[in-house]
C-alpha atoms as a PDB file:
ATOM      1  CA  UNK A   1       1.535   2.606 -29.526  1.00  0.00           C
ATOM      2  CA  UNK A   2      -0.675   4.607 -27.184  1.00  0.00           C
ATOM      3  CA  UNK A   3       1.326   5.855 -24.182  1.00  0.00           C
ATOM      4  CA  UNK A   4      -1.498   4.892 -21.821  1.00  0.00           C
ATOM      5  CA  UNK A   5      -1.163   1.164 -22.581  1.00  0.00           C
ATOM      6  CA  UNK A   6       0.646  -1.207 -20.287  1.00  0.00           C
ATOM      7  CA  UNK A   7       3.382  -3.110 -22.061  1.00  0.00           C
ATOM      8  CA  UNK A   8       6.264  -5.494 -21.566  1.00  0.00           C
ATOM      9  CA  UNK A   9       9.650  -3.997 -22.436  1.00  0.00           C
ATOM     10  CA  UNK A  10      12.713  -6.236 -22.167  1.00  0.00           C
ATOM     11  CA  UNK A  11      11.064  -8.364 -19.479  1.00  0.00           C
ATOM     12  CA  UNK A  12       9.663  -5.493 -17.393  1.00  0.00           C
ATOM     13  CA  UNK A  13       6.022  -4.393 -17.219  1.00  0.00           C
ATOM     14  CA  UNK A  14       5.990  -0.706 -18.142  1.00  0.00           C
ATOM     15  CA  UNK A  15       3.187   1.834 -18.076  1.00  0.00           C
ATOM     16  CA  UNK A  16       4.328   5.112 -19.690  1.00  0.00           C
ATOM     17  CA  UNK A  17       2.269   8.074 -18.512  1.00  0.00           C
ATOM     18  CA  UNK A  18       0.823  10.730 -20.799  1.00  0.00           C
ATOM     19  CA  UNK A  19       2.225  14.051 -19.596  1.00  0.00           C
ATOM     20  CA  UNK A  20       2.399  17.579 -20.931  1.00  0.00           C
ATOM     21  CA  UNK A  21       5.727  18.187 -19.170  1.00  0.00           C
ATOM     22  CA  UNK A  22       9.260  18.148 -20.587  1.00  0.00           C
ATOM     23  CA  UNK A  23      10.052  14.743 -19.071  1.00  0.00           C
ATOM     24  CA  UNK A  24       8.878  11.152 -19.471  1.00  0.00           C
ATOM     25  CA  UNK A  25       7.494   9.194 -16.551  1.00  0.00           C
ATOM     26  CA  UNK A  26       6.816   5.463 -16.517  1.00  0.00           C
ATOM     27  CA  UNK A  27       5.621   3.150 -13.780  1.00  0.00           C
ATOM     28  CA  UNK A  28       7.261  -0.244 -13.915  1.00  0.00           C
ATOM     29  CA  UNK A  29       7.328  -3.675 -12.352  1.00  0.00           C
ATOM     30  CA  UNK A  30      10.272  -6.057 -12.388  1.00  0.00           C
ATOM     31  CA  UNK A  31       9.832  -9.692 -11.481  1.00  0.00           C
ATOM     32  CA  UNK A  32      12.440 -11.380  -9.246  1.00  0.00           C
ATOM     33  CA  UNK A  33      15.757 -12.157 -10.944  1.00  0.00           C
ATOM     34  CA  UNK A  34      14.924 -10.115 -14.047  1.00  0.00           C
ATOM     35  CA  UNK A  35      17.899  -8.107 -15.279  1.00  0.00           C
ATOM     36  CA  UNK A  36      17.631  -4.634 -16.716  1.00  0.00           C
ATOM     37  CA  UNK A  37      19.168  -3.453 -19.972  1.00  0.00           C
ATOM     38  CA  UNK A  38      22.857  -3.934 -20.714  1.00  0.00           C
ATOM     39  CA  UNK A  39      25.117  -1.336 -19.054  1.00  0.00           C
ATOM     40  CA  UNK A  40      24.594   1.939 -20.893  1.00  0.00           C
ATOM     41  CA  UNK A  41      24.632   5.699 -20.551  1.00  0.00           C
ATOM     42  CA  UNK A  42      22.641   8.542 -22.027  1.00  0.00           C
ATOM     43  CA  UNK A  43      24.258  11.555 -23.647  1.00  0.00           C
ATOM     44  CA  UNK A  44      21.411  13.962 -22.835  1.00  0.00           C
ATOM     45  CA  UNK A  45      18.883  12.196 -20.610  1.00  0.00           C
ATOM     46  CA  UNK A  46      18.928  12.640 -16.860  1.00  0.00           C
ATOM     47  CA  UNK A  47      17.291   9.552 -15.346  1.00  0.00           C
ATOM     48  CA  UNK A  48      15.824   8.838 -11.926  1.00  0.00           C
ATOM     49  CA  UNK A  49      14.207   5.826 -10.283  1.00  0.00           C
ATOM     50  CA  UNK A  50      11.986   5.807  -7.205  1.00  0.00           C
ATOM     51  CA  UNK A  51      11.273   2.401  -5.651  1.00  0.00           C
ATOM     52  CA  UNK A  52       7.639   2.060  -4.559  1.00  0.00           C
ATOM     53  CA  UNK A  53       7.778  -1.588  -3.492  1.00  0.00           C
ATOM     54  CA  UNK A  54      10.554  -4.151  -3.095  1.00  0.00           C
ATOM     55  CA  UNK A  55      14.162  -3.380  -3.953  1.00  0.00           C
ATOM     56  CA  UNK A  56      16.410  -3.052  -6.982  1.00  0.00           C
ATOM     57  CA  UNK A  57      20.151  -3.441  -7.411  1.00  0.00           C
ATOM     58  CA  UNK A  58      21.763  -0.715  -9.496  1.00  0.00           C
ATOM     59  CA  UNK A  59      25.223  -0.584 -11.014  1.00  0.00           C
ATOM     60  CA  UNK A  60      26.220   3.063 -11.406  1.00  0.00           C
ATOM     61  CA  UNK A  61      29.674   3.782 -12.829  1.00  0.00           C
ATOM     62  CA  UNK A  62      30.869   0.410 -11.531  1.00  0.00           C
ATOM     63  CA  UNK A  63      29.485   0.890  -8.010  1.00  0.00           C
ATOM     64  CA  UNK A  64      26.716  -1.439  -6.808  1.00  0.00           C
ATOM     65  CA  UNK A  65      23.838   0.056  -4.811  1.00  0.00           C
ATOM     66  CA  UNK A  66      20.718  -1.583  -3.388  1.00  0.00           C
ATOM     67  CA  UNK A  67      17.780   0.812  -3.534  1.00  0.00           C
ATOM     68  CA  UNK A  68      14.804  -0.111  -1.345  1.00  0.00           C
ATOM     69  CA  UNK A  69      11.174   0.931  -1.001  1.00  0.00           C
ATOM     70  CA  UNK A  70      10.933   4.687  -0.433  1.00  0.00           C
ATOM     71  CA  UNK A  71      14.430   5.381  -1.810  1.00  0.00           C
ATOM     72  CA  UNK A  72      15.488   6.864  -5.114  1.00  0.00           C
ATOM     73  CA  UNK A  73      18.530   6.949  -7.331  1.00  0.00           C
ATOM     74  CA  UNK A  74      19.605   9.806  -9.568  1.00  0.00           C
ATOM     75  CA  UNK A  75      21.508   9.052 -12.789  1.00  0.00           C
ATOM     76  CA  UNK A  76      22.957  12.117 -14.561  1.00  0.00           C
ATOM     77  CA  UNK A  77      23.830  12.065 -18.271  1.00  0.00           C
ATOM     78  CA  UNK A  78      27.096  10.273 -19.143  1.00  0.00           C
ATOM     79  CA  UNK A  79      26.657   7.866 -16.190  1.00  0.00           C
ATOM     80  CA  UNK A  80      27.099   4.163 -16.960  1.00  0.00           C
ATOM     81  CA  UNK A  81      24.257   2.214 -15.352  1.00  0.00           C
ATOM     82  CA  UNK A  82      22.001  -0.807 -15.298  1.00  0.00           C
ATOM     83  CA  UNK A  83      19.734  -2.515 -12.772  1.00  0.00           C
ATOM     84  CA  UNK A  84      18.374  -5.888 -11.714  1.00  0.00           C
ATOM     85  CA  UNK A  85      15.703  -7.133  -9.353  1.00  0.00           C
ATOM     86  CA  UNK A  86      17.779  -9.690  -7.463  1.00  0.00           C
ATOM     87  CA  UNK A  87      15.217  -9.880  -4.662  1.00  0.00           C
ATOM     88  CA  UNK A  88      12.548 -12.522  -4.147  1.00  0.00           C
ATOM     89  CA  UNK A  89       9.567 -10.189  -4.653  1.00  0.00           C
ATOM     90  CA  UNK A  90       8.246  -7.979  -7.431  1.00  0.00           C
ATOM     91  CA  UNK A  91       9.836  -4.526  -7.469  1.00  0.00           C
ATOM     92  CA  UNK A  92       7.555  -1.617  -8.411  1.00  0.00           C
ATOM     93  CA  UNK A  93       9.186   1.631  -9.466  1.00  0.00           C
ATOM     94  CA  UNK A  94       8.784   5.016 -11.087  1.00  0.00           C
ATOM     95  CA  UNK A  95      11.238   5.990 -13.820  1.00  0.00           C
ATOM     96  CA  UNK A  96      11.774   9.542 -15.072  1.00  0.00           C
ATOM     97  CA  UNK A  97      13.805  10.671 -18.086  1.00  0.00           C
ATOM     98  CA  UNK A  98      14.412  14.365 -18.605  1.00  0.00           C
ATOM     99  CA  UNK A  99      14.059  15.984 -21.069  1.00  0.00           C
ATOM    100  CA  UNK A 100      11.207  14.052 -22.681  1.00  0.00           C
ATOM    101  CA  UNK A 101      11.848  11.638 -25.526  1.00  0.00           C
ATOM    102  CA  UNK A 102      12.887   8.296 -24.041  1.00  0.00           C
ATOM    103  CA  UNK A 103       9.313   6.988 -23.985  1.00  0.00           C
ATOM    104  CA  UNK A 104       9.781   6.522 -27.742  1.00  0.00           C
ATOM    105  CA  UNK A 105      12.007   3.543 -26.833  1.00  0.00           C
ATOM    106  CA  UNK A 106       9.262   1.998 -24.688  1.00  0.00           C
ATOM    107  CA  UNK A 107       6.691   2.589 -27.426  1.00  0.00           C
ATOM    108  CA  UNK A 108       8.952   1.079 -30.115  1.00  0.00           C
ATOM    109  CA  UNK A 109       9.841  -2.110 -28.234  1.00  0.00           C
ATOM    110  CA  UNK A 110       6.838  -2.550 -25.960  1.00  0.00           C
ATOM    111  CA  UNK A 111       4.592  -5.582 -26.383  1.00  0.00           C
ATOM    112  CA  UNK A 112       1.017  -4.900 -25.164  1.00  0.00           C
ATOM    113  CA  UNK A 113       0.302  -6.863 -21.970  1.00  0.00           C
ATOM    114  CA  UNK A 114      -2.862  -8.383 -23.466  1.00  0.00           C
ATOM    115  CA  UNK A 115      -0.930  -9.974 -26.337  1.00  0.00           C
ATOM    116  CA  UNK A 116      -0.280 -13.712 -25.996  1.00  0.00           C
ATOM    117  CA  UNK A 117       3.117 -14.472 -24.404  1.00  0.00           C
ATOM    118  CA  UNK A 118       3.906 -10.731 -24.216  1.00  0.00           C
ATOM    119  CA  UNK A 119       6.543 -11.022 -21.470  1.00  0.00           C
ATOM    120  CA  UNK A 120       8.402 -13.753 -23.363  1.00  0.00           C
ATOM    121  CA  UNK A 121       8.163 -11.891 -26.676  1.00  0.00           C
ATOM    122  CA  UNK A 122       9.683  -8.791 -25.042  1.00  0.00           C
ATOM    123  CA  UNK A 123      12.953 -10.673 -24.487  1.00  0.00           C
ATOM    124  CA  UNK A 124      13.008 -12.648 -27.723  1.00  0.00           C
ATOM    125  CA  UNK A 125      16.372 -12.823 -29.534  1.00  0.00           C
ATOM    126  CA  UNK A 126      14.882 -10.726 -32.357  1.00  0.00           C
ATOM    127  CA  UNK A 127      13.889  -7.908 -29.987  1.00  0.00           C
ATOM    128  CA  UNK A 128      17.238  -8.019 -28.157  1.00  0.00           C
ATOM    129  CA  UNK A 129      19.120  -7.815 -31.469  1.00  0.00           C
ATOM    130  CA  UNK A 130      16.995  -4.867 -32.657  1.00  0.00           C
ATOM    131  CA  UNK A 131      17.565  -3.050 -29.343  1.00  0.00           C
ATOM    132  CA  UNK A 132      21.335  -3.550 -29.628  1.00  0.00           C
ATOM    133  CA  UNK A 133      21.283  -2.259 -33.209  1.00  0.00           C
ATOM    134  CA  UNK A 134      19.091   0.792 -32.595  1.00  0.00           C
ATOM    135  CA  UNK A 135      19.728   1.781 -28.963  1.00  0.00           C
ATOM    136  CA  UNK A 136      21.737   4.843 -29.974  1.00  0.00           C
ATOM    137  CA  UNK A 137      18.643   6.138 -31.825  1.00  0.00           C
ATOM    138  CA  UNK A 138      17.115   6.547 -28.346  1.00  0.00           C
ATOM    139  CA  UNK A 139      20.183   8.127 -26.688  1.00  0.00           C
ATOM    140  CA  UNK A 140      21.097   4.782 -25.148  1.00  0.00           C
ATOM    141  CA  UNK A 141      24.819   4.120 -25.582  1.00  0.00           C
ATOM    142  CA  UNK A 142      25.330   0.452 -24.705  1.00  0.00           C
ATOM    143  CA  UNK A 143      28.675  -0.635 -23.322  1.00  0.00           C
ATOM    144  CA  UNK A 144      29.350  -4.268 -24.036  1.00  0.00           C
ATOM    145  CA  UNK A 145      32.336  -5.797 -22.306  1.00  0.00           C
END
């Protein structure tokens, strides 16, 4: 999938950016009450979020943090994390993974926004099962209870 396409990934609208740098950058939107991925950590990826609009709740190593417009959160490798838009408005954010490589996950599981029922398809049981089975291929170590 072309990195310049907008897509739905696990219920979030994602727009990976084509860069020549050694990091991946995506612009995302999360609708109200949409959860993020299951709690997970990355072995090698350093991840950051910057909130452009709205707010997002993050769980980082068991600690809950509300990150609002104009604020950012830094997630080093080996840090258990997830997020959820528990607000009443759309949350718009920038996500960075360093070094590059995580955009492969978005490209693998993204459903183009112009496809019928794309948002719903992105959270279908089949997609969720595939993500759980292959997450480690994308340096995403899921921690289920």
